[in-house]
Amino acid sequence: MVYSTDPHFQFQTEEEGPTETLPASEQVLWIQIDKKQRGGKTVTLVAGFQGKEEDLEILGKELRNFCGTGGSAKAGEILVQGDQREKVLQYLLKKGYQRSKKK
């Protein structure tokens, strides 16, 4: 809203509260390899996380520790350095995340 001629108008912002983190059994995470815009280096990308940024950071740190590599977590994605698909899958299954069912 830029301007209103209504003298009784009250601007209301849309407050986006913290989204609740879905339980592990309801999350659908995608594990893939990515090299785009990474200087030719391979990373394992875990995408599709739905929940609070703090919970994403915690899961990212646990995955990086389990794999013994570096990485980052932001915007619903976790990056783990190197091709760690099998280790990431093993860890996520152990934590209660489900395999996606292909149609």
PDB file of N, CA and C in Angstrom:
ATOM      1  N   MET A   1       0.855  -1.164   0.000  1.00  0.00           N
ATOM      2  CA  MET A   1       0.000   0.000   0.000  1.00  0.00           C
ATOM      3  C   MET A   1       0.900   1.226   0.000  1.00  0.00           C
ATOM      4  N   VAL A   2       0.715   2.067  -0.933  1.00  0.00           N
ATOM      5  CA  VAL A   2       1.491   3.288  -1.037  1.00  0.00           C
ATOM      6  C   VAL A   2       0.720   4.471  -0.471  1.00  0.00           C
ATOM      7  N   TYR A   3      -0.581   4.539  -0.813  1.00  0.00           N
ATOM      8  CA  TYR A   3      -1.358   5.699  -0.388  1.00  0.00           C
ATOM      9  C   TYR A   3      -2.830   5.305  -0.321  1.00  0.00           C
ATOM     10  N   SER A   4      -3.538   5.802   0.678  1.00  0.00           N
ATOM     11  CA  SER A   4      -4.964   5.545   0.789  1.00  0.00           C
ATOM     12  C   SER A   4      -5.688   6.840   1.112  1.00  0.00           C
ATOM     13  N   THR A   5      -6.830   7.059   0.491  1.00  0.00           N
ATOM     14  CA  THR A   5      -7.636   8.253   0.764  1.00  0.00           C
ATOM     15  C   THR A   5      -8.634   8.014   1.886  1.00  0.00           C
ATOM     16  N   ASP A   6      -8.741   6.807   2.363  1.00  0.00           N
ATOM     17  CA  ASP A   6      -9.659   6.482   3.452  1.00  0.00           C
ATOM     18  C   ASP A   6      -9.084   6.991   4.767  1.00  0.00           C
ATOM     19  N   PRO A   7      -9.777   7.906   5.469  1.00  0.00           N
ATOM     20  CA  PRO A   7      -9.243   8.447   6.725  1.00  0.00           C
ATOM     21  C   PRO A   7      -9.221   7.418   7.848  1.00  0.00           C
ATOM     22  N   HIS A   8      -9.961   6.322   7.720  1.00  0.00           N
ATOM     23  CA  HIS A   8     -10.002   5.305   8.772  1.00  0.00           C
ATOM     24  C   HIS A   8      -9.131   4.087   8.449  1.00  0.00           C
ATOM     25  N   PHE A   9      -8.371   4.188   7.389  1.00  0.00           N
ATOM     26  CA  PHE A   9      -7.526   3.073   6.968  1.00  0.00           C
ATOM     27  C   PHE A   9      -6.382   2.867   7.954  1.00  0.00           C
ATOM     28  N   GLN A  10      -6.147   1.608   8.307  1.00  0.00           N
ATOM     29  CA  GLN A  10      -5.012   1.252   9.158  1.00  0.00           C
ATOM     30  C   GLN A  10      -4.222   0.171   8.438  1.00  0.00           C
ATOM     31  N   PHE A  11      -2.969   0.455   8.253  1.00  0.00           N
ATOM     32  CA  PHE A  11      -2.091  -0.477   7.555  1.00  0.00           C
ATOM     33  C   PHE A  11      -1.797  -1.664   8.458  1.00  0.00           C
ATOM     34  N   GLN A  12      -1.963  -2.860   7.926  1.00  0.00           N
ATOM     35  CA  GLN A  12      -1.678  -4.069   8.681  1.00  0.00           C
ATOM     36  C   GLN A  12      -0.623  -4.869   7.932  1.00  0.00           C
ATOM     37  N   THR A  13       0.454  -5.158   8.617  1.00  0.00           N
ATOM     38  CA  THR A  13       1.502  -5.958   8.001  1.00  0.00           C
ATOM     39  C   THR A  13       1.160  -7.429   8.165  1.00  0.00           C
ATOM     40  N   GLU A  14       1.594  -8.192   7.212  1.00  0.00           N
ATOM     41  CA  GLU A  14       1.417  -9.633   7.306  1.00  0.00           C
ATOM     42  C   GLU A  14       2.596 -10.190   8.065  1.00  0.00           C
ATOM     43  N   GLU A  15       2.350 -10.509   9.310  1.00  0.00           N
ATOM     44  CA  GLU A  15       3.427 -11.053  10.130  1.00  0.00           C
ATOM     45  C   GLU A  15       3.535 -12.539   9.863  1.00  0.00           C
ATOM     46  N   GLU A  16       4.711 -12.914   9.497  1.00  0.00           N
ATOM     47  CA  GLU A  16       4.966 -14.313   9.209  1.00  0.00           C
ATOM     48  C   GLU A  16       5.655 -14.908  10.425  1.00  0.00           C
ATOM     49  N   GLY A  17       4.896 -15.618  11.214  1.00  0.00           N
ATOM     50  CA  GLY A  17       5.444 -16.221  12.423  1.00  0.00           C
ATOM     51  C   GLY A  17       6.341 -17.386  12.068  1.00  0.00           C
ATOM     52  N   PRO A  18       7.069 -17.852  13.043  1.00  0.00           N
ATOM     53  CA  PRO A  18       7.949 -18.983  12.763  1.00  0.00           C
ATOM     54  C   PRO A  18       7.133 -20.217  12.411  1.00  0.00           C
ATOM     55  N   THR A  19       7.464 -20.821  11.288  1.00  0.00           N
ATOM     56  CA  THR A  19       6.762 -22.028  10.886  1.00  0.00           C
ATOM     57  C   THR A  19       7.206 -23.180  11.775  1.00  0.00           C
ATOM     58  N   GLU A  20       6.295 -24.035  12.070  1.00  0.00           N
ATOM     59  CA  GLU A  20       6.622 -25.197  12.884  1.00  0.00           C
ATOM     60  C   GLU A  20       7.340 -26.223  12.022  1.00  0.00           C
ATOM     61  N   THR A  21       8.287 -26.884  12.604  1.00  0.00           N
ATOM     62  CA  THR A  21       9.033 -27.911  11.899  1.00  0.00           C
ATOM     63  C   THR A  21       8.208 -29.186  11.863  1.00  0.00           C
ATOM     64  N   LEU A  22       8.035 -29.720  10.669  1.00  0.00           N
ATOM     65  CA  LEU A  22       7.305 -30.977  10.526  1.00  0.00           C
ATOM     66  C   LEU A  22       8.115 -32.109  11.146  1.00  0.00           C
ATOM     67  N   PRO A  23       7.442 -33.128  11.686  1.00  0.00           N
ATOM     68  CA  PRO A  23       8.167 -34.287  12.200  1.00  0.00           C
ATOM     69  C   PRO A  23       8.951 -34.967  11.078  1.00  0.00           C
ATOM     70  N   ALA A  24       9.989 -35.672  11.449  1.00  0.00           N
ATOM     71  CA  ALA A  24      10.856 -36.319  10.460  1.00  0.00           C
ATOM     72  C   ALA A  24      10.072 -37.251   9.548  1.00  0.00           C
ATOM     73  N   SER A  25       9.073 -37.945  10.085  1.00  0.00           N
ATOM     74  CA  SER A  25       8.316 -38.908   9.275  1.00  0.00           C
ATOM     75  C   SER A  25       7.450 -38.230   8.216  1.00  0.00           C
ATOM     76  N   GLU A  26       7.186 -36.916   8.364  1.00  0.00           N
ATOM     77  CA  GLU A  26       6.370 -36.194   7.393  1.00  0.00           C
ATOM     78  C   GLU A  26       7.190 -35.358   6.417  1.00  0.00           C
ATOM     79  N   GLN A  27       8.488 -35.262   6.626  1.00  0.00           N
ATOM     80  CA  GLN A  27       9.356 -34.477   5.752  1.00  0.00           C
ATOM     81  C   GLN A  27       9.650 -35.262   4.469  1.00  0.00           C
ATOM     82  N   VAL A  28       9.694 -34.554   3.358  1.00  0.00           N
ATOM     83  CA  VAL A  28      10.105 -35.149   2.082  1.00  0.00           C
ATOM     84  C   VAL A  28      11.368 -34.409   1.659  1.00  0.00           C
ATOM     85  N   LEU A  29      12.509 -35.049   1.854  1.00  0.00           N
ATOM     86  CA  LEU A  29      13.800 -34.436   1.527  1.00  0.00           C
ATOM     87  C   LEU A  29      14.364 -35.089   0.275  1.00  0.00           C
ATOM     88  N   TRP A  30      15.007 -34.270  -0.545  1.00  0.00           N
ATOM     89  CA  TRP A  30      15.628 -34.744  -1.780  1.00  0.00           C
ATOM     90  C   TRP A  30      17.136 -34.664  -1.622  1.00  0.00           C
ATOM     91  N   ILE A  31      17.828 -35.740  -1.949  1.00  0.00           N
ATOM     92  CA  ILE A  31      19.286 -35.783  -1.885  1.00  0.00           C
ATOM     93  C   ILE A  31      19.797 -35.850  -3.309  1.00  0.00           C
ATOM     94  N   GLN A  32      20.692 -34.921  -3.645  1.00  0.00           N
ATOM     95  CA  GLN A  32      21.247 -34.910  -5.003  1.00  0.00           C
ATOM     96  C   GLN A  32      22.650 -34.317  -4.990  1.00  0.00           C
ATOM     97  N   ILE A  33      23.333 -34.524  -6.096  1.00  0.00           N
ATOM     98  CA  ILE A  33      24.673 -33.975  -6.292  1.00  0.00           C
ATOM     99  C   ILE A  33      24.537 -32.679  -7.068  1.00  0.00           C
ATOM    100  N   ASP A  34      25.350 -31.699  -6.707  1.00  0.00           N
ATOM    101  CA  ASP A  34      25.298 -30.408  -7.391  1.00  0.00           C
ATOM    102  C   ASP A  34      26.714 -29.905  -7.612  1.00  0.00           C
ATOM    103  N   LYS A  35      26.974 -29.358  -8.798  1.00  0.00           N
ATOM    104  CA  LYS A  35      28.271 -28.754  -9.127  1.00  0.00           C
ATOM    105  C   LYS A  35      28.106 -27.342  -9.652  1.00  0.00           C
ATOM    106  N   LYS A  36      26.876 -26.914  -9.886  1.00  0.00           N
ATOM    107  CA  LYS A  36      26.629 -25.616 -10.499  1.00  0.00           C
ATOM    108  C   LYS A  36      27.101 -24.477  -9.602  1.00  0.00           C
ATOM    109  N   GLN A  37      27.815 -23.560 -10.164  1.00  0.00           N
ATOM    110  CA  GLN A  37      28.311 -22.356  -9.500  1.00  0.00           C
ATOM    111  C   GLN A  37      29.100 -22.673  -8.231  1.00  0.00           C
ATOM    112  N   ARG A  38      29.850 -23.749  -8.258  1.00  0.00           N
ATOM    113  CA  ARG A  38      30.645 -24.148  -7.102  1.00  0.00           C
ATOM    114  C   ARG A  38      32.107 -24.349  -7.484  1.00  0.00           C
ATOM    115  N   GLY A  39      32.513 -23.740  -8.560  1.00  0.00           N
ATOM    116  CA  GLY A  39      33.899 -23.850  -8.987  1.00  0.00           C
ATOM    117  C   GLY A  39      34.286 -25.258  -9.378  1.00  0.00           C
ATOM    118  N   GLY A  40      33.339 -26.063  -9.859  1.00  0.00           N
ATOM    119  CA  GLY A  40      33.620 -27.429 -10.272  1.00  0.00           C
ATOM    120  C   GLY A  40      33.670 -28.416  -9.123  1.00  0.00           C
ATOM    121  N   LYS A  41      33.468 -27.953  -7.887  1.00  0.00           N
ATOM    122  CA  LYS A  41      33.504 -28.854  -6.734  1.00  0.00           C
ATOM    123  C   LYS A  41      32.135 -29.482  -6.527  1.00  0.00           C
ATOM    124  N   THR A  42      32.142 -30.723  -6.101  1.00  0.00           N
ATOM    125  CA  THR A  42      30.918 -31.471  -5.901  1.00  0.00           C
ATOM    126  C   THR A  42      30.403 -31.255  -4.481  1.00  0.00           C
ATOM    127  N   VAL A  43      29.108 -31.044  -4.351  1.00  0.00           N
ATOM    128  CA  VAL A  43      28.463 -30.986  -3.039  1.00  0.00           C
ATOM    129  C   VAL A  43      27.228 -31.877  -3.073  1.00  0.00           C
ATOM    130  N   THR A  44      26.872 -32.391  -1.904  1.00  0.00           N
ATOM    131  CA  THR A  44      25.630 -33.125  -1.752  1.00  0.00           C
ATOM    132  C   THR A  44      24.598 -32.134  -1.252  1.00  0.00           C
ATOM    133  N   LEU A  45      23.497 -32.032  -1.953  1.00  0.00           N
ATOM    134  CA  LEU A  45      22.452 -31.073  -1.639  1.00  0.00           C
ATOM    135  C   LEU A  45      21.247 -31.812  -1.078  1.00  0.00           C
ATOM    136  N   VAL A  46      20.810 -31.397   0.118  1.00  0.00           N
ATOM    137  CA  VAL A  46      19.602 -31.941   0.732  1.00  0.00           C
ATOM    138  C   VAL A  46      18.574 -30.820   0.699  1.00  0.00           C
ATOM    139  N   ALA A  47      17.526 -30.989  -0.079  1.00  0.00           N
ATOM    140  CA  ALA A  47      16.534 -29.926  -0.273  1.00  0.00           C
ATOM    141  C   ALA A  47      15.159 -30.378   0.191  1.00  0.00           C
ATOM    142  N   GLY A  48      14.290 -29.391   0.442  1.00  0.00           N
ATOM    143  CA  GLY A  48      12.908 -29.675   0.778  1.00  0.00           C
ATOM    144  C   GLY A  48      12.589 -29.626   2.254  1.00  0.00           C
ATOM    145  N   PHE A  49      13.520 -29.184   3.095  1.00  0.00           N
ATOM    146  CA  PHE A  49      13.267 -29.118   4.534  1.00  0.00           C
ATOM    147  C   PHE A  49      12.179 -28.094   4.821  1.00  0.00           C
ATOM    148  N   GLN A  50      11.210 -28.462   5.626  1.00  0.00           N
ATOM    149  CA  GLN A  50      10.121 -27.560   5.998  1.00  0.00           C
ATOM    150  C   GLN A  50      10.128 -27.374   7.499  1.00  0.00           C
ATOM    151  N   GLY A  51      10.454 -26.154   7.922  1.00  0.00           N
ATOM    152  CA  GLY A  51      10.467 -25.883   9.349  1.00  0.00           C
ATOM    153  C   GLY A  51      11.288 -24.660   9.686  1.00  0.00           C
ATOM    154  N   LYS A  52      11.606 -24.540  10.948  1.00  0.00           N
ATOM    155  CA  LYS A  52      12.346 -23.391  11.447  1.00  0.00           C
ATOM    156  C   LYS A  52      13.792 -23.425  10.979  1.00  0.00           C
ATOM    157  N   GLU A  53      14.340 -22.246  10.775  1.00  0.00           N
ATOM    158  CA  GLU A  53      15.736 -22.125  10.330  1.00  0.00           C
ATOM    159  C   GLU A  53      16.696 -22.734  11.354  1.00  0.00           C
ATOM    160  N   GLU A  54      16.365 -22.610  12.649  1.00  0.00           N
ATOM    161  CA  GLU A  54      17.221 -23.169  13.699  1.00  0.00           C
ATOM    162  C   GLU A  54      17.300 -24.694  13.595  1.00  0.00           C
ATOM    163  N   ASP A  55      16.154 -25.330  13.296  1.00  0.00           N
ATOM    164  CA  ASP A  55      16.137 -26.784  13.152  1.00  0.00           C
ATOM    165  C   ASP A  55      16.901 -27.234  11.912  1.00  0.00           C
ATOM    166  N   LEU A  56      16.837 -26.421  10.858  1.00  0.00           N
ATOM    167  CA  LEU A  56      17.615 -26.699   9.652  1.00  0.00           C
ATOM    168  C   LEU A  56      19.108 -26.647   9.968  1.00  0.00           C
ATOM    169  N   GLU A  57      19.524 -25.627  10.733  1.00  0.00           N
ATOM    170  CA  GLU A  57      20.933 -25.493  11.116  1.00  0.00           C
ATOM    171  C   GLU A  57      21.388 -26.697  11.942  1.00  0.00           C
ATOM    172  N   ILE A  58      20.543 -27.144  12.856  1.00  0.00           N
ATOM    173  CA  ILE A  58      20.898 -28.292  13.704  1.00  0.00           C
ATOM    174  C   ILE A  58      21.066 -29.547  12.863  1.00  0.00           C
ATOM    175  N   LEU A  59      20.101 -29.809  11.959  1.00  0.00           N
ATOM    176  CA  LEU A  59      20.200 -30.987  11.098  1.00  0.00           C
ATOM    177  C   LEU A  59      21.429 -30.895  10.201  1.00  0.00           C
ATOM    178  N   GLY A  60      21.706 -29.699   9.675  1.00  0.00           N
ATOM    179  CA  GLY A  60      22.890 -29.513   8.843  1.00  0.00           C
ATOM    180  C   GLY A  60      24.176 -29.806   9.596  1.00  0.00           C
ATOM    181  N   LYS A  61      24.252 -29.335  10.831  1.00  0.00           N
ATOM    182  CA  LYS A  61      25.451 -29.579  11.639  1.00  0.00           C
ATOM    183  C   LYS A  61      25.609 -31.067  11.938  1.00  0.00           C
ATOM    184  N   GLU A  62      24.487 -31.744  12.250  1.00  0.00           N
ATOM    185  CA  GLU A  62      24.549 -33.182  12.515  1.00  0.00           C
ATOM    186  C   GLU A  62      25.013 -33.951  11.278  1.00  0.00           C
ATOM    187  N   LEU A  63      24.507 -33.570  10.091  1.00  0.00           N
ATOM    188  CA  LEU A  63      24.918 -34.241   8.853  1.00  0.00           C
ATOM    189  C   LEU A  63      26.393 -34.010   8.558  1.00  0.00           C
ATOM    190  N   ARG A  64      26.854 -32.765   8.733  1.00  0.00           N
ATOM    191  CA  ARG A  64      28.269 -32.470   8.472  1.00  0.00           C
ATOM    192  C   ARG A  64      29.172 -33.237   9.437  1.00  0.00           C
ATOM    193  N   ASN A  65      28.768 -33.332  10.710  1.00  0.00           N
ATOM    194  CA  ASN A  65      29.560 -34.093  11.677  1.00  0.00           C
ATOM    195  C   ASN A  65      29.569 -35.576  11.334  1.00  0.00           C
ATOM    196  N   PHE A  66      28.418 -36.115  10.934  1.00  0.00           N
ATOM    197  CA  PHE A  66      28.323 -37.528  10.588  1.00  0.00           C
ATOM    198  C   PHE A  66      29.192 -37.855   9.385  1.00  0.00           C
ATOM    199  N   CYS A  67      29.211 -36.957   8.406  1.00  0.00           N
ATOM    200  CA  CYS A  67      29.996 -37.191   7.189  1.00  0.00           C
ATOM    201  C   CYS A  67      31.458 -36.784   7.348  1.00  0.00           C
ATOM    202  N   GLY A  68      31.762 -35.994   8.368  1.00  0.00           N
ATOM    203  CA  GLY A  68      33.140 -35.559   8.587  1.00  0.00           C
ATOM    204  C   GLY A  68      33.598 -34.527   7.566  1.00  0.00           C
ATOM    205  N   THR A  69      32.672 -33.689   7.099  1.00  0.00           N
ATOM    206  CA  THR A  69      33.013 -32.685   6.097  1.00  0.00           C
ATOM    207  C   THR A  69      32.427 -31.342   6.485  1.00  0.00           C
ATOM    208  N   GLY A  70      32.693 -30.350   5.684  1.00  0.00           N
ATOM    209  CA  GLY A  70      32.129 -29.020   5.881  1.00  0.00           C
ATOM    210  C   GLY A  70      30.863 -28.863   5.084  1.00  0.00           C
ATOM    211  N   GLY A  71      30.276 -27.687   5.181  1.00  0.00           N
ATOM    212  CA  GLY A  71      29.064 -27.405   4.431  1.00  0.00           C
ATOM    213  C   GLY A  71      28.332 -26.229   5.028  1.00  0.00           C
ATOM    214  N   SER A  72      27.067 -26.079   4.656  1.00  0.00           N
ATOM    215  CA  SER A  72      26.258 -24.988   5.177  1.00  0.00           C
ATOM    216  C   SER A  72      24.783 -25.374   5.112  1.00  0.00           C
ATOM    217  N   ALA A  73      23.953 -24.556   5.781  1.00  0.00           N
ATOM    218  CA  ALA A  73      22.510 -24.772   5.763  1.00  0.00           C
ATOM    219  C   ALA A  73      21.820 -23.421   5.728  1.00  0.00           C
ATOM    220  N   LYS A  74      20.972 -23.234   4.694  1.00  0.00           N
ATOM    221  CA  LYS A  74      20.208 -21.994   4.600  1.00  0.00           C
ATOM    222  C   LYS A  74      19.105 -22.163   3.573  1.00  0.00           C
ATOM    223  N   ALA A  75      18.049 -21.393   3.720  1.00  0.00           N
ATOM    224  CA  ALA A  75      16.926 -21.348   2.771  1.00  0.00           C
ATOM    225  C   ALA A  75      16.334 -22.726   2.470  1.00  0.00           C
ATOM    226  N   GLY A  76      16.208 -23.566   3.489  1.00  0.00           N
ATOM    227  CA  GLY A  76      15.597 -24.873   3.300  1.00  0.00           C
ATOM    228  C   GLY A  76      16.491 -25.906   2.653  1.00  0.00           C
ATOM    229  N   GLU A  77      17.789 -25.591   2.488  1.00  0.00           N
ATOM    230  CA  GLU A  77      18.729 -26.523   1.863  1.00  0.00           C
ATOM    231  C   GLU A  77      19.954 -26.727   2.745  1.00  0.00           C
ATOM    232  N   ILE A  78      20.481 -27.935   2.702  1.00  0.00           N
ATOM    233  CA  ILE A  78      21.711 -28.266   3.409  1.00  0.00           C
ATOM    234  C   ILE A  78      22.736 -28.683   2.365  1.00  0.00           C
ATOM    235  N   LEU A  79      23.919 -28.081   2.428  1.00  0.00           N
ATOM    236  CA  LEU A  79      25.021 -28.441   1.539  1.00  0.00           C
ATOM    237  C   LEU A  79      26.077 -29.177   2.350  1.00  0.00           C
ATOM    238  N   VAL A  80      26.486 -30.340   1.862  1.00  0.00           N
ATOM    239  CA  VAL A  80      27.557 -31.112   2.480  1.00  0.00           C
ATOM    240  C   VAL A  80      28.626 -31.296   1.420  1.00  0.00           C
ATOM    241  N   GLN A  81      29.859 -30.950   1.744  1.00  0.00           N
ATOM    242  CA  GLN A  81      30.931 -31.015   0.752  1.00  0.00           C
ATOM    243  C   GLN A  81      31.209 -32.446   0.335  1.00  0.00           C
ATOM    244  N   GLY A  82      31.395 -32.623  -0.963  1.00  0.00           N
ATOM    245  CA  GLY A  82      31.732 -33.928  -1.520  1.00  0.00           C
ATOM    246  C   GLY A  82      30.498 -34.743  -1.862  1.00  0.00           C
ATOM    247  N   ASP A  83      30.746 -35.918  -2.448  1.00  0.00           N
ATOM    248  CA  ASP A  83      29.659 -36.837  -2.793  1.00  0.00           C
ATOM    249  C   ASP A  83      29.389 -37.710  -1.575  1.00  0.00           C
ATOM    250  N   GLN A  84      28.440 -37.296  -0.760  1.00  0.00           N
ATOM    251  CA  GLN A  84      28.128 -37.979   0.498  1.00  0.00           C
ATOM    252  C   GLN A  84      26.709 -38.542   0.479  1.00  0.00           C
ATOM    253  N   ARG A  85      26.181 -38.857  -0.693  1.00  0.00           N
ATOM    254  CA  ARG A  85      24.784 -39.293  -0.802  1.00  0.00           C
ATOM    255  C   ARG A  85      24.457 -40.498   0.064  1.00  0.00           C
ATOM    256  N   GLU A  86      25.286 -41.498   0.044  1.00  0.00           N
ATOM    257  CA  GLU A  86      24.999 -42.720   0.813  1.00  0.00           C
ATOM    258  C   GLU A  86      25.025 -42.455   2.314  1.00  0.00           C
ATOM    259  N   LYS A  87      26.008 -41.702   2.785  1.00  0.00           N
ATOM    260  CA  LYS A  87      26.091 -41.381   4.211  1.00  0.00           C
ATOM    261  C   LYS A  87      24.914 -40.523   4.654  1.00  0.00           C
ATOM    262  N   VAL A  88      24.550 -39.541   3.838  1.00  0.00           N
ATOM    263  CA  VAL A  88      23.427 -38.664   4.166  1.00  0.00           C
ATOM    264  C   VAL A  88      22.134 -39.479   4.219  1.00  0.00           C
ATOM    265  N   LEU A  89      21.915 -40.335   3.238  1.00  0.00           N
ATOM    266  CA  LEU A  89      20.718 -41.178   3.216  1.00  0.00           C
ATOM    267  C   LEU A  89      20.676 -42.073   4.451  1.00  0.00           C
ATOM    268  N   GLN A  90      21.796 -42.706   4.773  1.00  0.00           N
ATOM    269  CA  GLN A  90      21.878 -43.579   5.941  1.00  0.00           C
ATOM    270  C   GLN A  90      21.520 -42.818   7.219  1.00  0.00           C
ATOM    271  N   TYR A  91      22.053 -41.603   7.372  1.00  0.00           N
ATOM    272  CA  TYR A  91      21.799 -40.811   8.565  1.00  0.00           C
ATOM    273  C   TYR A  91      20.330 -40.385   8.647  1.00  0.00           C
ATOM    274  N   LEU A  92      19.768 -39.924   7.527  1.00  0.00           N
ATOM    275  CA  LEU A  92      18.382 -39.470   7.535  1.00  0.00           C
ATOM    276  C   LEU A  92      17.416 -40.612   7.834  1.00  0.00           C
ATOM    277  N   LEU A  93      17.671 -41.794   7.297  1.00  0.00           N
ATOM    278  CA  LEU A  93      16.825 -42.948   7.599  1.00  0.00           C
ATOM    279  C   LEU A  93      16.918 -43.314   9.074  1.00  0.00           C
ATOM    280  N   LYS A  94      18.117 -43.236   9.628  1.00  0.00           N
ATOM    281  CA  LYS A  94      18.321 -43.529  11.046  1.00  0.00           C
ATOM    282  C   LYS A  94      17.567 -42.542  11.934  1.00  0.00           C
ATOM    283  N   LYS A  95      17.441 -41.292  11.494  1.00  0.00           N
ATOM    284  CA  LYS A  95      16.767 -40.245  12.262  1.00  0.00           C
ATOM    285  C   LYS A  95      15.240 -40.277  12.081  1.00  0.00           C
ATOM    286  N   GLY A  96      14.719 -41.161  11.230  1.00  0.00           N
ATOM    287  CA  GLY A  96      13.286 -41.317  11.075  1.00  0.00           C
ATOM    288  C   GLY A  96      12.699 -40.682   9.827  1.00  0.00           C
ATOM    289  N   TYR A  97      13.532 -40.105   8.976  1.00  0.00           N
ATOM    290  CA  TYR A  97      13.037 -39.544   7.713  1.00  0.00           C
ATOM    291  C   TYR A  97      12.711 -40.711   6.787  1.00  0.00           C
ATOM    292  N   GLN A  98      11.694 -40.545   5.957  1.00  0.00           N
ATOM    293  CA  GLN A  98      11.237 -41.619   5.087  1.00  0.00           C
ATOM    294  C   GLN A  98      11.785 -41.456   3.677  1.00  0.00           C
ATOM    295  N   ARG A  99      11.929 -42.563   2.982  1.00  0.00           N
ATOM    296  CA  ARG A  99      12.278 -42.516   1.562  1.00  0.00           C
ATOM    297  C   ARG A  99      11.053 -42.030   0.809  1.00  0.00           C
ATOM    298  N   SER A 100      11.299 -41.228  -0.225  1.00  0.00           N
ATOM    299  CA  SER A 100      10.160 -40.769  -1.015  1.00  0.00           C
ATOM    300  C   SER A 100       9.671 -41.908  -1.887  1.00  0.00           C
ATOM    301  N   LYS A 101       8.384 -41.950  -2.096  1.00  0.00           N
ATOM    302  CA  LYS A 101       7.769 -42.994  -2.923  1.00  0.00           C
ATOM    303  C   LYS A 101       7.587 -42.441  -4.324  1.00  0.00           C
ATOM    304  N   LYS A 102       8.187 -43.086  -5.304  1.00  0.00           N
ATOM    305  CA  LYS A 102       8.068 -42.658  -6.691  1.00  0.00           C
ATOM    306  C   LYS A 102       6.751 -43.154  -7.256  1.00  0.00           C
ATOM    307  N   LYS A 103       6.142 -42.334  -8.095  1.00  0.00           N
ATOM    308  CA  LYS A 103       4.862 -42.709  -8.707  1.00  0.00           C
ATOM    309  C   LYS A 103       5.074 -43.472  -9.976  1.00  0.00           C
TER     310      LYS A 103
END
